[in-house]
Amino acid sequence: LNIEINSTSEAYIQLSDYWKGLDPAKYPGYDMLQFDPYLSLSHDVMFTYALAFDELLSRGGDMRNVSDLIRSLRTVDYMGASGRIQLDENLEIKNGRFDVINMQGSGLKKVGKIISGSLTLFTPYAIGGDSPSLLVWPKGGMNPVNVCKQHFDKILLLLLIFIPVILIS
């Protein structure tokens, strides 16, 4: 998964400036911020949940009710450190831009892209048609598995347990 880093966004600059001012012995990693998209994504994930919990509590929702949290997550819309954060009905980034990388043998190969939820596979990797796909999917399947959907309930349960603990301490 390759993700474009928008180092000119206001949220990214704020994160960068804040992190630069911290003690590097206690908070290492600043030097990797512009090269590792997962750092700004991690920031955005936590901020997204903070906004969702704020919305949930401000409307009198129940923190223990997963449906309430999902409803709140769907209302989130802000410019994060990694770009605009707005979730669709599957709680995936609406305007996300991702490269699709396929492990083939001992290496990785860029085989397609996802833009705003639409998958485009590069020729000759297109699924269907006269020639068989050259993509290698887990367990020999013809289509990729959406791991997020498979484990979404477990992820939400963990977040519902850990975020209140973090907020209380």
C-alpha atoms as a PDB file:
ATOM      1  CA  LEU A   1       0.000   0.000   0.000  1.00  0.00           C
ATOM      2  CA  ASN A   2       1.515   3.315  -1.073  1.00  0.00           C
ATOM      3  CA  ILE A   3      -0.044   6.532   0.135  1.00  0.00           C
ATOM      4  CA  GLU A   4       0.748  10.036  -1.064  1.00  0.00           C
ATOM      5  CA  ILE A   5       1.931  12.388   1.679  1.00  0.00           C
ATOM      6  CA  ASN A   6       0.588  15.951   1.536  1.00  0.00           C
ATOM      7  CA  SER A   7       3.330  17.794   3.427  1.00  0.00           C
ATOM      8  CA  THR A   8       1.759  21.173   2.624  1.00  0.00           C
ATOM      9  CA  SER A   9      -1.526  20.634   4.480  1.00  0.00           C
ATOM     10  CA  GLU A  10      -2.067  22.760   7.583  1.00  0.00           C
ATOM     11  CA  ALA A  11      -2.622  19.704   9.792  1.00  0.00           C
ATOM     12  CA  TYR A  12       0.590  18.061   8.532  1.00  0.00           C
ATOM     13  CA  ILE A  13       2.572  21.242   9.205  1.00  0.00           C
ATOM     14  CA  GLN A  14       1.088  21.499  12.725  1.00  0.00           C
ATOM     15  CA  LEU A  15       1.978  17.859  13.443  1.00  0.00           C
ATOM     16  CA  SER A  16       5.481  18.391  12.055  1.00  0.00           C
ATOM     17  CA  ASP A  17       6.091  21.604  14.020  1.00  0.00           C
ATOM     18  CA  TYR A  18       4.789  20.061  17.248  1.00  0.00           C
ATOM     19  CA  TRP A  19       6.860  16.875  16.861  1.00  0.00           C
ATOM     20  CA  LYS A  20       9.994  18.871  15.956  1.00  0.00           C
ATOM     21  CA  GLY A  21       9.716  20.676  19.307  1.00  0.00           C
ATOM     22  CA  LEU A  22       9.649  17.453  21.361  1.00  0.00           C
ATOM     23  CA  ASP A  23      12.660  15.781  22.957  1.00  0.00           C
ATOM     24  CA  PRO A  24      13.948  13.348  20.276  1.00  0.00           C
ATOM     25  CA  ALA A  25      15.193  10.942  22.966  1.00  0.00           C
ATOM     26  CA  LYS A  26      11.643  10.551  24.332  1.00  0.00           C
ATOM     27  CA  TYR A  27       9.759  10.965  21.027  1.00  0.00           C
ATOM     28  CA  PRO A  28      11.901   9.601  18.183  1.00  0.00           C
ATOM     29  CA  GLY A  29      10.786   9.371  14.558  1.00  0.00           C
ATOM     30  CA  TYR A  30      10.444  12.992  13.489  1.00  0.00           C
ATOM     31  CA  ASP A  31      13.065  12.495  10.770  1.00  0.00           C
ATOM     32  CA  MET A  32      10.826   9.814   9.192  1.00  0.00           C
ATOM     33  CA  LEU A  33       7.611  11.875   9.178  1.00  0.00           C
ATOM     34  CA  GLN A  34       7.892  13.016   5.573  1.00  0.00           C
ATOM     35  CA  PHE A  35       8.923   9.567   4.325  1.00  0.00           C
ATOM     36  CA  ASP A  36       6.585   7.272   6.263  1.00  0.00           C
ATOM     37  CA  PRO A  37       2.895   7.882   5.521  1.00  0.00           C
ATOM     38  CA  TYR A  38       1.843   5.662   8.420  1.00  0.00           C
ATOM     39  CA  LEU A  39       3.016   8.308  10.902  1.00  0.00           C
ATOM     40  CA  SER A  40       0.599  10.951   9.631  1.00  0.00           C
ATOM     41  CA  LEU A  41      -2.097   8.295   9.129  1.00  0.00           C
ATOM     42  CA  SER A  42      -1.709   7.180  12.761  1.00  0.00           C
ATOM     43  CA  HIS A  43      -2.198  10.778  13.865  1.00  0.00           C
ATOM     44  CA  ASP A  44      -5.302  11.066  11.700  1.00  0.00           C
ATOM     45  CA  VAL A  45      -6.798   7.800  12.977  1.00  0.00           C
ATOM     46  CA  MET A  46      -6.538   8.927  16.597  1.00  0.00           C
ATOM     47  CA  PHE A  47      -7.869  12.404  15.745  1.00  0.00           C
ATOM     48  CA  THR A  48     -10.754  10.835  13.783  1.00  0.00           C
ATOM     49  CA  TYR A  49     -11.776   8.760  16.802  1.00  0.00           C
ATOM     50  CA  ALA A  50     -11.425  11.787  19.095  1.00  0.00           C
ATOM     51  CA  LEU A  51     -13.768  13.782  16.822  1.00  0.00           C
ATOM     52  CA  ALA A  52     -16.202  10.870  16.599  1.00  0.00           C
ATOM     53  CA  PHE A  53     -16.284  10.434  20.390  1.00  0.00           C
ATOM     54  CA  ASP A  54     -16.744  14.189  20.818  1.00  0.00           C
ATOM     55  CA  GLU A  55     -19.709  14.124  18.404  1.00  0.00           C
ATOM     56  CA  LEU A  56     -21.123  11.007  20.074  1.00  0.00           C
ATOM     57  CA  LEU A  57     -20.964  12.493  23.577  1.00  0.00           C
ATOM     58  CA  SER A  58     -22.234  15.923  22.493  1.00  0.00           C
ATOM     59  CA  ARG A  59     -25.435  14.357  21.146  1.00  0.00           C
ATOM     60  CA  GLY A  60     -25.843  12.150  24.230  1.00  0.00           C
ATOM     61  CA  GLY A  61     -24.812   8.898  22.531  1.00  0.00           C
ATOM     62  CA  ASP A  62     -23.687   5.798  24.376  1.00  0.00           C
ATOM     63  CA  MET A  63     -19.925   5.070  24.217  1.00  0.00           C
ATOM     64  CA  ARG A  64     -20.638   1.360  24.681  1.00  0.00           C
ATOM     65  CA  ASN A  65     -22.935   1.227  21.657  1.00  0.00           C
ATOM     66  CA  VAL A  66     -20.960   0.352  18.507  1.00  0.00           C
ATOM     67  CA  SER A  67     -23.795   1.579  16.261  1.00  0.00           C
ATOM     68  CA  ASP A  68     -23.609   4.998  17.943  1.00  0.00           C
ATOM     69  CA  LEU A  69     -19.858   5.130  17.344  1.00  0.00           C
ATOM     70  CA  ILE A  70     -20.255   4.115  13.694  1.00  0.00           C
ATOM     71  CA  ARG A  71     -22.874   6.848  13.209  1.00  0.00           C
ATOM     72  CA  SER A  72     -20.438   9.366  14.699  1.00  0.00           C
ATOM     73  CA  LEU A  73     -17.512   8.155  12.577  1.00  0.00           C
ATOM     74  CA  ARG A  74     -19.593   8.728   9.447  1.00  0.00           C
ATOM     75  CA  THR A  75     -19.989  12.410  10.392  1.00  0.00           C
ATOM     76  CA  VAL A  76     -16.232  13.055  10.560  1.00  0.00           C
ATOM     77  CA  ASP A  77     -14.984  15.425   7.863  1.00  0.00           C
ATOM     78  CA  TYR A  78     -11.759  17.396   8.327  1.00  0.00           C
ATOM     79  CA  MET A  79      -8.368  18.081   6.741  1.00  0.00           C
ATOM     80  CA  GLY A  80      -5.944  15.737   8.454  1.00  0.00           C
ATOM     81  CA  ALA A  81      -2.171  15.424   8.333  1.00  0.00           C
ATOM     82  CA  SER A  82      -2.503  12.866   5.521  1.00  0.00           C
ATOM     83  CA  GLY A  83      -5.203  14.751   3.586  1.00  0.00           C
ATOM     84  CA  ARG A  84      -8.985  15.082   3.758  1.00  0.00           C
ATOM     85  CA  ILE A  85     -10.586  12.627   6.165  1.00  0.00           C
ATOM     86  CA  GLN A  86     -14.160  11.792   5.252  1.00  0.00           C
ATOM     87  CA  LEU A  87     -15.506   8.255   5.658  1.00  0.00           C
ATOM     88  CA  ASP A  88     -17.992   6.420   3.445  1.00  0.00           C
ATOM     89  CA  GLU A  89     -20.682   3.922   4.497  1.00  0.00           C
ATOM     90  CA  ASN A  90     -17.966   1.220   4.915  1.00  0.00           C
ATOM     91  CA  LEU A  91     -15.885   3.633   7.049  1.00  0.00           C
ATOM     92  CA  GLU A  92     -13.222   3.830   4.347  1.00  0.00           C
ATOM     93  CA  ILE A  93     -11.668   7.108   3.158  1.00  0.00           C
ATOM     94  CA  LYS A  94     -13.955   8.566   0.464  1.00  0.00           C
ATOM     95  CA  ASN A  95     -11.278  10.290  -1.589  1.00  0.00           C
ATOM     96  CA  GLY A  96      -8.367   7.981  -0.827  1.00  0.00           C
ATOM     97  CA  ARG A  97      -5.610   7.397  -3.380  1.00  0.00           C
ATOM     98  CA  PHE A  98      -3.742   4.120  -2.973  1.00  0.00           C
ATOM     99  CA  ASP A  99      -1.417   1.963  -5.040  1.00  0.00           C
ATOM    100  CA  VAL A 100      -2.283  -1.742  -5.147  1.00  0.00           C
ATOM    101  CA  ILE A 101       0.868  -3.753  -4.534  1.00  0.00           C
ATOM    102  CA  ASN A 102       0.990  -7.525  -5.118  1.00  0.00           C
ATOM    103  CA  MET A 103       3.652  -9.805  -3.635  1.00  0.00           C
ATOM    104  CA  GLN A 104       4.972 -11.957  -6.452  1.00  0.00           C
ATOM    105  CA  GLY A 105       7.745 -14.366  -5.557  1.00  0.00           C
ATOM    106  CA  SER A 106      10.172 -12.497  -3.340  1.00  0.00           C
ATOM    107  CA  GLY A 107       9.284  -9.006  -4.604  1.00  0.00           C
ATOM    108  CA  LEU A 108       6.474  -6.479  -4.751  1.00  0.00           C
ATOM    109  CA  LYS A 109       4.830  -5.309  -7.975  1.00  0.00           C
ATOM    110  CA  LYS A 110       2.508  -2.310  -8.442  1.00  0.00           C
ATOM    111  CA  VAL A 111      -0.520  -3.829 -10.188  1.00  0.00           C
ATOM    112  CA  GLY A 112      -3.186  -1.153  -9.869  1.00  0.00           C
ATOM    113  CA  LYS A 113      -4.594   1.793  -7.997  1.00  0.00           C
ATOM    114  CA  ILE A 114      -7.616   2.766  -5.951  1.00  0.00           C
ATOM    115  CA  ILE A 115      -8.911   6.315  -6.324  1.00  0.00           C
ATOM    116  CA  SER A 116     -12.027   7.353  -4.397  1.00  0.00           C
ATOM    117  CA  GLY A 117     -12.982   3.719  -3.817  1.00  0.00           C
ATOM    118  CA  SER A 118     -12.675   2.683  -7.472  1.00  0.00           C
ATOM    119  CA  LEU A 119     -10.207  -0.126  -8.217  1.00  0.00           C
ATOM    120  CA  THR A 120      -8.273  -0.035 -11.485  1.00  0.00           C
ATOM    121  CA  LEU A 121      -5.939  -2.921 -12.259  1.00  0.00           C
ATOM    122  CA  PHE A 122      -3.216  -2.331 -14.822  1.00  0.00           C
ATOM    123  CA  THR A 123      -3.071  -4.487 -17.972  1.00  0.00           C
ATOM    124  CA  PRO A 124      -2.272  -7.445 -17.986  1.00  0.00           C
ATOM    125  CA  TYR A 125      -3.533  -7.770 -14.397  1.00  0.00           C
ATOM    126  CA  ALA A 126      -7.215  -7.097 -15.113  1.00  0.00           C
ATOM    127  CA  ILE A 127      -9.475  -9.750 -13.615  1.00  0.00           C
ATOM    128  CA  GLY A 128     -11.710 -11.536 -16.113  1.00  0.00           C
ATOM    129  CA  GLY A 129     -11.473 -11.414 -19.901  1.00  0.00           C
ATOM    130  CA  ASP A 130      -9.821 -14.031 -22.086  1.00  0.00           C
ATOM    131  CA  SER A 131      -6.498 -14.307 -20.280  1.00  0.00           C
ATOM    132  CA  PRO A 132      -6.156 -15.491 -16.687  1.00  0.00           C
ATOM    133  CA  SER A 133      -5.133 -12.977 -14.058  1.00  0.00           C
ATOM    134  CA  LEU A 134      -1.465 -12.819 -13.161  1.00  0.00           C
ATOM    135  CA  LEU A 135      -2.302 -11.527  -9.694  1.00  0.00           C
ATOM    136  CA  VAL A 136      -1.529 -13.708  -6.722  1.00  0.00           C
ATOM    137  CA  TRP A 137      -4.166 -13.283  -3.987  1.00  0.00           C
ATOM    138  CA  PRO A 138      -4.102 -14.884  -0.543  1.00  0.00           C
ATOM    139  CA  LYS A 139      -5.481 -18.436  -0.422  1.00  0.00           C
ATOM    140  CA  GLY A 140      -5.546 -18.643  -4.229  1.00  0.00           C
ATOM    141  CA  GLY A 141      -8.661 -16.480  -4.637  1.00  0.00           C
ATOM    142  CA  MET A 142      -9.443 -14.403  -7.712  1.00  0.00           C
ATOM    143  CA  ASN A 143     -10.280 -11.250  -5.728  1.00  0.00           C
ATOM    144  CA  PRO A 144      -8.612  -9.583  -2.758  1.00  0.00           C
ATOM    145  CA  VAL A 145     -10.086  -9.983   0.708  1.00  0.00           C
ATOM    146  CA  ASN A 146     -11.140  -6.819   2.551  1.00  0.00           C
ATOM    147  CA  VAL A 147      -9.358  -7.456   5.837  1.00  0.00           C
ATOM    148  CA  CYS A 148     -10.779  -4.301   7.410  1.00  0.00           C
ATOM    149  CA  LYS A 149     -14.368  -5.529   6.968  1.00  0.00           C
ATOM    150  CA  GLN A 150     -13.483  -8.986   8.303  1.00  0.00           C
ATOM    151  CA  HIS A 151     -11.998  -7.656  11.540  1.00  0.00           C
ATOM    152  CA  PHE A 152     -13.933  -4.392  11.953  1.00  0.00           C
ATOM    153  CA  ASP A 153     -15.935  -5.543  14.994  1.00  0.00           C
ATOM    154  CA  LYS A 154     -12.763  -6.669  16.801  1.00  0.00           C
ATOM    155  CA  ILE A 155     -10.978  -3.404  16.014  1.00  0.00           C
ATOM    156  CA  LEU A 156     -13.904  -1.327  17.290  1.00  0.00           C
ATOM    157  CA  LEU A 157     -14.124  -3.412  20.462  1.00  0.00           C
ATOM    158  CA  LEU A 158     -10.429  -2.853  21.169  1.00  0.00           C
ATOM    159  CA  LEU A 159     -10.782   0.876  20.546  1.00  0.00           C
ATOM    160  CA  LEU A 160     -13.843   1.057  22.793  1.00  0.00           C
ATOM    161  CA  ILE A 161     -11.784  -0.577  25.554  1.00  0.00           C
ATOM    162  CA  PHE A 162      -8.514   1.344  25.144  1.00  0.00           C
ATOM    163  CA  ILE A 163      -9.590   4.889  24.248  1.00  0.00           C
ATOM    164  CA  PRO A 164     -11.657   5.407  27.446  1.00  0.00           C
ATOM    165  CA  VAL A 165      -8.697   4.045  29.457  1.00  0.00           C
ATOM    166  CA  ILE A 166      -6.403   6.559  27.742  1.00  0.00           C
ATOM    167  CA  LEU A 167      -8.900   9.402  28.284  1.00  0.00           C
ATOM    168  CA  ILE A 168      -9.298   8.564  31.991  1.00  0.00           C
ATOM    169  CA  SER A 169      -5.557   8.317  32.733  1.00  0.00           C
END
